[in-house]
Amino acid sequence: MKIERDALRPFDFEGLEIRDYTAGMGVSSSIAEITVPAGASHRRAWSKRSDKYYFMLEGSLSFTLGAETLDITAGDCCIVRKGERFSYRNPTGERARVLLVHTPSFDLAAEAFEDEPASS
Protein backbone atom coordinates (compact mmCIF):
# COMPACT_ATOMS: atom_id res chain seq x y z
CA MET A 1 0.00 0.00 0.00
CA LYS A 2 1.27 3.46 -0.89
CA ILE A 3 0.11 6.61 0.86
CA GLU A 4 1.02 9.79 -0.98
CA ARG A 5 1.76 12.83 1.16
CA ASP A 6 0.18 15.18 -1.37
CA ALA A 7 -3.09 13.21 -1.15
CA LEU A 8 -3.42 13.88 2.60
CA ARG A 9 -5.44 16.83 3.86
CA PRO A 10 -3.57 18.45 6.75
CA PHE A 11 -5.56 19.57 9.77
CA ASP A 12 -4.87 22.02 12.57
CA PHE A 13 -4.46 20.78 16.14
CA GLU A 14 -3.89 23.71 18.49
CA GLY A 15 -1.58 25.45 16.01
CA LEU A 16 0.22 22.31 14.83
CA GLU A 17 -0.32 21.11 11.25
CA ILE A 18 -0.88 17.35 11.16
CA ARG A 19 -0.93 14.93 8.23
CA ASP A 20 -2.28 11.59 9.46
CA TYR A 21 -1.09 8.81 7.15
CA THR A 22 -3.08 6.02 8.81
CA ALA A 23 -6.38 7.63 9.91
CA GLY A 24 -9.26 5.16 9.89
CA MET A 25 -7.16 2.23 8.66
CA GLY A 26 -7.38 0.07 11.78
CA VAL A 27 -3.65 -0.69 11.71
CA SER A 28 -1.59 -1.69 14.75
CA SER A 29 0.57 1.47 14.71
CA SER A 30 -0.14 4.93 13.37
CA ILE A 31 2.07 7.49 11.69
CA ALA A 32 1.68 11.23 11.23
CA GLU A 33 3.81 14.15 10.09
CA ILE A 34 3.58 17.21 12.34
CA THR A 35 4.68 20.67 11.25
CA VAL A 36 5.46 22.86 14.27
CA PRO A 37 5.60 26.57 13.35
CA ALA A 38 8.19 28.84 14.95
CA GLY A 39 7.18 29.54 18.56
CA ALA A 40 4.40 26.89 18.61
CA SER A 41 4.05 24.23 21.30
CA HIS A 42 2.25 21.05 22.34
CA ARG A 43 0.77 21.36 25.80
CA ARG A 44 1.64 18.92 28.60
CA ALA A 45 -0.01 15.57 27.96
CA TRP A 46 0.36 11.82 28.26
CA SER A 47 -1.06 8.72 26.61
CA LYS A 48 -3.05 6.05 28.40
CA ARG A 49 -2.57 3.73 25.42
CA SER A 50 0.52 4.29 23.27
CA ASP A 51 4.25 4.68 23.23
CA LYS A 52 5.22 7.60 20.97
CA TYR A 53 8.27 7.88 18.73
CA TYR A 54 9.09 11.40 17.51
CA PHE A 55 11.66 11.37 14.67
CA MET A 56 12.88 14.86 13.73
CA LEU A 57 12.81 15.46 9.99
CA GLU A 58 13.64 19.17 9.93
CA GLY A 59 14.47 21.88 12.45
CA SER A 60 14.52 21.33 16.20
CA LEU A 61 12.20 21.03 19.18
CA SER A 62 12.66 21.30 22.92
CA PHE A 63 10.94 18.35 24.64
CA THR A 64 10.11 18.16 28.32
CA LEU A 65 9.83 14.57 29.58
CA GLY A 66 8.89 14.61 33.25
CA ALA A 67 11.47 17.00 34.77
CA GLU A 68 14.03 16.55 31.95
CA THR A 69 14.42 18.90 28.97
CA LEU A 70 15.85 17.50 25.73
CA ASP A 71 16.77 19.40 22.56
CA ILE A 72 15.91 17.26 19.54
CA THR A 73 17.32 18.12 16.10
CA ALA A 74 16.98 16.67 12.60
CA GLY A 75 17.88 12.97 12.63
CA ASP A 76 17.23 12.54 16.38
CA CYS A 77 14.43 10.43 17.86
CA CYS A 78 12.61 11.11 21.13
CA ILE A 79 10.72 8.22 22.73
CA VAL A 80 7.80 9.00 25.03
CA ARG A 81 6.59 5.91 26.87
CA LYS A 82 2.93 5.28 27.65
CA GLY A 83 2.00 7.24 30.78
CA GLU A 84 5.03 9.56 30.62
CA ARG A 85 4.18 13.26 30.85
CA PHE A 86 5.58 15.34 28.01
CA SER A 87 5.33 18.61 26.16
CA TYR A 88 7.34 20.22 23.41
CA ARG A 89 7.90 23.59 21.83
CA ASN A 90 9.68 25.11 18.90
CA PRO A 91 11.87 27.85 20.41
CA THR A 92 13.43 28.77 17.05
CA GLY A 93 12.46 31.20 14.31
CA GLU A 94 12.11 28.35 11.78
CA ARG A 95 9.44 25.68 11.36
CA ALA A 96 10.12 22.12 12.49
CA ARG A 97 8.78 18.88 11.06
CA VAL A 98 8.58 15.66 13.01
CA LEU A 99 7.35 12.17 12.16
CA LEU A 100 5.26 10.67 14.97
CA VAL A 101 4.60 6.94 15.35
CA HIS A 102 2.10 5.69 17.95
CA THR A 103 2.20 2.02 19.02
CA PRO A 104 -0.52 0.86 19.40
CA SER A 105 -2.22 3.26 17.01
CA PHE A 106 -3.40 6.74 17.98
CA ASP A 107 -6.71 7.15 19.78
CA LEU A 108 -7.58 10.70 20.84
CA ALA A 109 -9.80 9.37 23.65
CA ALA A 110 -6.69 7.77 25.22
CA GLU A 111 -4.74 11.05 25.30
CA ALA A 112 -4.76 13.10 28.52
CA PHE A 113 -4.08 16.85 28.39
CA GLU A 114 -3.14 18.58 31.64
CA ASP A 115 -3.36 22.25 30.60
CA GLU A 116 -5.85 24.36 28.71
CA PRO A 117 -4.99 24.96 25.05
CA ALA A 118 -3.15 28.18 24.27
CA SER A 119 -5.50 30.91 23.08
CA SER A 120 -4.94 32.28 19.60
C-alpha atoms as a PDB file:
ATOM      1  CA  MET A   1       0.000   0.000   0.000  1.00  0.00           C
ATOM      2  CA  LYS A   2       1.268   3.456  -0.890  1.00  0.00           C
ATOM      3  CA  ILE A   3       0.106   6.613   0.860  1.00  0.00           C
ATOM      4  CA  GLU A   4       1.020   9.788  -0.984  1.00  0.00           C
ATOM      5  CA  ARG A   5       1.762  12.829   1.165  1.00  0.00           C
ATOM      6  CA  ASP A   6       0.178  15.185  -1.365  1.00  0.00           C
ATOM      7  CA  ALA A   7      -3.094  13.214  -1.150  1.00  0.00           C
ATOM      8  CA  LEU A   8      -3.416  13.883   2.596  1.00  0.00           C
ATOM      9  CA  ARG A   9      -5.442  16.831   3.858  1.00  0.00           C
ATOM     10  CA  PRO A  10      -3.569  18.446   6.754  1.00  0.00           C
ATOM     11  CA  PHE A  11      -5.561  19.573   9.772  1.00  0.00           C
ATOM     12  CA  ASP A  12      -4.869  22.017  12.572  1.00  0.00           C
ATOM     13  CA  PHE A  13      -4.461  20.779  16.141  1.00  0.00           C
ATOM     14  CA  GLU A  14      -3.887  23.711  18.487  1.00  0.00           C
ATOM     15  CA  GLY A  15      -1.583  25.449  16.008  1.00  0.00           C
ATOM     16  CA  LEU A  16       0.219  22.314  14.831  1.00  0.00           C
ATOM     17  CA  GLU A  17      -0.322  21.109  11.248  1.00  0.00           C
ATOM     18  CA  ILE A  18      -0.876  17.346  11.157  1.00  0.00           C
ATOM     19  CA  ARG A  19      -0.933  14.934   8.232  1.00  0.00           C
ATOM     20  CA  ASP A  20      -2.278  11.589   9.455  1.00  0.00           C
ATOM     21  CA  TYR A  21      -1.085   8.807   7.154  1.00  0.00           C
ATOM     22  CA  THR A  22      -3.081   6.023   8.807  1.00  0.00           C
ATOM     23  CA  ALA A  23      -6.379   7.627   9.907  1.00  0.00           C
ATOM     24  CA  GLY A  24      -9.258   5.157   9.885  1.00  0.00           C
ATOM     25  CA  MET A  25      -7.159   2.228   8.664  1.00  0.00           C
ATOM     26  CA  GLY A  26      -7.384   0.067  11.781  1.00  0.00           C
ATOM     27  CA  VAL A  27      -3.649  -0.695  11.713  1.00  0.00           C
ATOM     28  CA  SER A  28      -1.588  -1.686  14.755  1.00  0.00           C
ATOM     29  CA  SER A  29       0.573   1.467  14.708  1.00  0.00           C
ATOM     30  CA  SER A  30      -0.137   4.926  13.366  1.00  0.00           C
ATOM     31  CA  ILE A  31       2.073   7.488  11.693  1.00  0.00           C
ATOM     32  CA  ALA A  32       1.677  11.227  11.232  1.00  0.00           C
ATOM     33  CA  GLU A  33       3.806  14.149  10.094  1.00  0.00           C
ATOM     34  CA  ILE A  34       3.575  17.210  12.339  1.00  0.00           C
ATOM     35  CA  THR A  35       4.681  20.673  11.247  1.00  0.00           C
ATOM     36  CA  VAL A  36       5.458  22.861  14.267  1.00  0.00           C
ATOM     37  CA  PRO A  37       5.602  26.568  13.352  1.00  0.00           C
ATOM     38  CA  ALA A  38       8.192  28.844  14.950  1.00  0.00           C
ATOM     39  CA  GLY A  39       7.177  29.536  18.560  1.00  0.00           C
ATOM     40  CA  ALA A  40       4.398  26.889  18.605  1.00  0.00           C
ATOM     41  CA  SER A  41       4.053  24.232  21.303  1.00  0.00           C
ATOM     42  CA  HIS A  42       2.251  21.050  22.335  1.00  0.00           C
ATOM     43  CA  ARG A  43       0.769  21.362  25.804  1.00  0.00           C
ATOM     44  CA  ARG A  44       1.637  18.924  28.596  1.00  0.00           C
ATOM     45  CA  ALA A  45      -0.014  15.571  27.964  1.00  0.00           C
ATOM     46  CA  TRP A  46       0.363  11.822  28.264  1.00  0.00           C
ATOM     47  CA  SER A  47      -1.061   8.724  26.607  1.00  0.00           C
ATOM     48  CA  LYS A  48      -3.049   6.049  28.403  1.00  0.00           C
ATOM     49  CA  ARG A  49      -2.565   3.728  25.418  1.00  0.00           C
ATOM     50  CA  SER A  50       0.520   4.293  23.275  1.00  0.00           C
ATOM     51  CA  ASP A  51       4.253   4.679  23.228  1.00  0.00           C
ATOM     52  CA  LYS A  52       5.224   7.601  20.969  1.00  0.00           C
ATOM     53  CA  TYR A  53       8.272   7.878  18.732  1.00  0.00           C
ATOM     54  CA  TYR A  54       9.093  11.403  17.508  1.00  0.00           C
ATOM     55  CA  PHE A  55      11.657  11.375  14.675  1.00  0.00           C
ATOM     56  CA  MET A  56      12.880  14.857  13.726  1.00  0.00           C
ATOM     57  CA  LEU A  57      12.809  15.465   9.988  1.00  0.00           C
ATOM     58  CA  GLU A  58      13.637  19.166   9.932  1.00  0.00           C
ATOM     59  CA  GLY A  59      14.467  21.879  12.453  1.00  0.00           C
ATOM     60  CA  SER A  60      14.517  21.333  16.203  1.00  0.00           C
ATOM     61  CA  LEU A  61      12.199  21.029  19.183  1.00  0.00           C
ATOM     62  CA  SER A  62      12.656  21.301  22.922  1.00  0.00           C
ATOM     63  CA  PHE A  63      10.942  18.348  24.636  1.00  0.00           C
ATOM     64  CA  THR A  64      10.115  18.157  28.316  1.00  0.00           C
ATOM     65  CA  LEU A  65       9.832  14.567  29.583  1.00  0.00           C
ATOM     66  CA  GLY A  66       8.893  14.614  33.247  1.00  0.00           C
ATOM     67  CA  ALA A  67      11.472  16.997  34.767  1.00  0.00           C
ATOM     68  CA  GLU A  68      14.034  16.549  31.953  1.00  0.00           C
ATOM     69  CA  THR A  69      14.420  18.903  28.973  1.00  0.00           C
ATOM     70  CA  LEU A  70      15.851  17.502  25.730  1.00  0.00           C
ATOM     71  CA  ASP A  71      16.773  19.399  22.565  1.00  0.00           C
ATOM     72  CA  ILE A  72      15.914  17.258  19.541  1.00  0.00           C
ATOM     73  CA  THR A  73      17.320  18.125  16.101  1.00  0.00           C
ATOM     74  CA  ALA A  74      16.978  16.666  12.596  1.00  0.00           C
ATOM     75  CA  GLY A  75      17.884  12.967  12.631  1.00  0.00           C
ATOM     76  CA  ASP A  76      17.230  12.537  16.380  1.00  0.00           C
ATOM     77  CA  CYS A  77      14.433  10.435  17.861  1.00  0.00           C
ATOM     78  CA  CYS A  78      12.613  11.114  21.133  1.00  0.00           C
ATOM     79  CA  ILE A  79      10.718   8.216  22.731  1.00  0.00           C
ATOM     80  CA  VAL A  80       7.798   9.000  25.033  1.00  0.00           C
ATOM     81  CA  ARG A  81       6.585   5.909  26.870  1.00  0.00           C
ATOM     82  CA  LYS A  82       2.929   5.276  27.648  1.00  0.00           C
ATOM     83  CA  GLY A  83       2.000   7.244  30.781  1.00  0.00           C
ATOM     84  CA  GLU A  84       5.032   9.563  30.616  1.00  0.00           C
ATOM     85  CA  ARG A  85       4.178  13.265  30.854  1.00  0.00           C
ATOM     86  CA  PHE A  86       5.583  15.338  28.006  1.00  0.00           C
ATOM     87  CA  SER A  87       5.332  18.612  26.164  1.00  0.00           C
ATOM     88  CA  TYR A  88       7.338  20.225  23.414  1.00  0.00           C
ATOM     89  CA  ARG A  89       7.903  23.587  21.830  1.00  0.00           C
ATOM     90  CA  ASN A  90       9.684  25.112  18.896  1.00  0.00           C
ATOM     91  CA  PRO A  91      11.874  27.848  20.406  1.00  0.00           C
ATOM     92  CA  THR A  92      13.432  28.765  17.054  1.00  0.00           C
ATOM     93  CA  GLY A  93      12.461  31.197  14.307  1.00  0.00           C
ATOM     94  CA  GLU A  94      12.107  28.347  11.783  1.00  0.00           C
ATOM     95  CA  ARG A  95       9.440  25.684  11.361  1.00  0.00           C
ATOM     96  CA  ALA A  96      10.118  22.124  12.494  1.00  0.00           C
ATOM     97  CA  ARG A  97       8.782  18.876  11.055  1.00  0.00           C
ATOM     98  CA  VAL A  98       8.577  15.655  13.008  1.00  0.00           C
ATOM     99  CA  LEU A  99       7.351  12.165  12.160  1.00  0.00           C
ATOM    100  CA  LEU A 100       5.257  10.670  14.967  1.00  0.00           C
ATOM    101  CA  VAL A 101       4.599   6.941  15.354  1.00  0.00           C
ATOM    102  CA  HIS A 102       2.097   5.688  17.954  1.00  0.00           C
ATOM    103  CA  THR A 103       2.201   2.016  19.024  1.00  0.00           C
ATOM    104  CA  PRO A 104      -0.521   0.861  19.403  1.00  0.00           C
ATOM    105  CA  SER A 105      -2.215   3.260  17.008  1.00  0.00           C
ATOM    106  CA  PHE A 106      -3.400   6.744  17.982  1.00  0.00           C
ATOM    107  CA  ASP A 107      -6.715   7.152  19.781  1.00  0.00           C
ATOM    108  CA  LEU A 108      -7.581  10.705  20.844  1.00  0.00           C
ATOM    109  CA  ALA A 109      -9.801   9.372  23.653  1.00  0.00           C
ATOM    110  CA  ALA A 110      -6.694   7.768  25.217  1.00  0.00           C
ATOM    111  CA  GLU A 111      -4.744  11.050  25.300  1.00  0.00           C
ATOM    112  CA  ALA A 112      -4.759  13.098  28.518  1.00  0.00           C
ATOM    113  CA  PHE A 113      -4.082  16.853  28.394  1.00  0.00           C
ATOM    114  CA  GLU A 114      -3.143  18.583  31.636  1.00  0.00           C
ATOM    115  CA  ASP A 115      -3.363  22.247  30.600  1.00  0.00           C
ATOM    116  CA  GLU A 116      -5.847  24.363  28.714  1.00  0.00           C
ATOM    117  CA  PRO A 117      -4.989  24.957  25.047  1.00  0.00           C
ATOM    118  CA  ALA A 118      -3.152  28.184  24.269  1.00  0.00           C
ATOM    119  CA  SER A 119      -5.499  30.910  23.078  1.00  0.00           C
ATOM    120  CA  SER A 120      -4.942  32.279  19.595  1.00  0.00           C
END
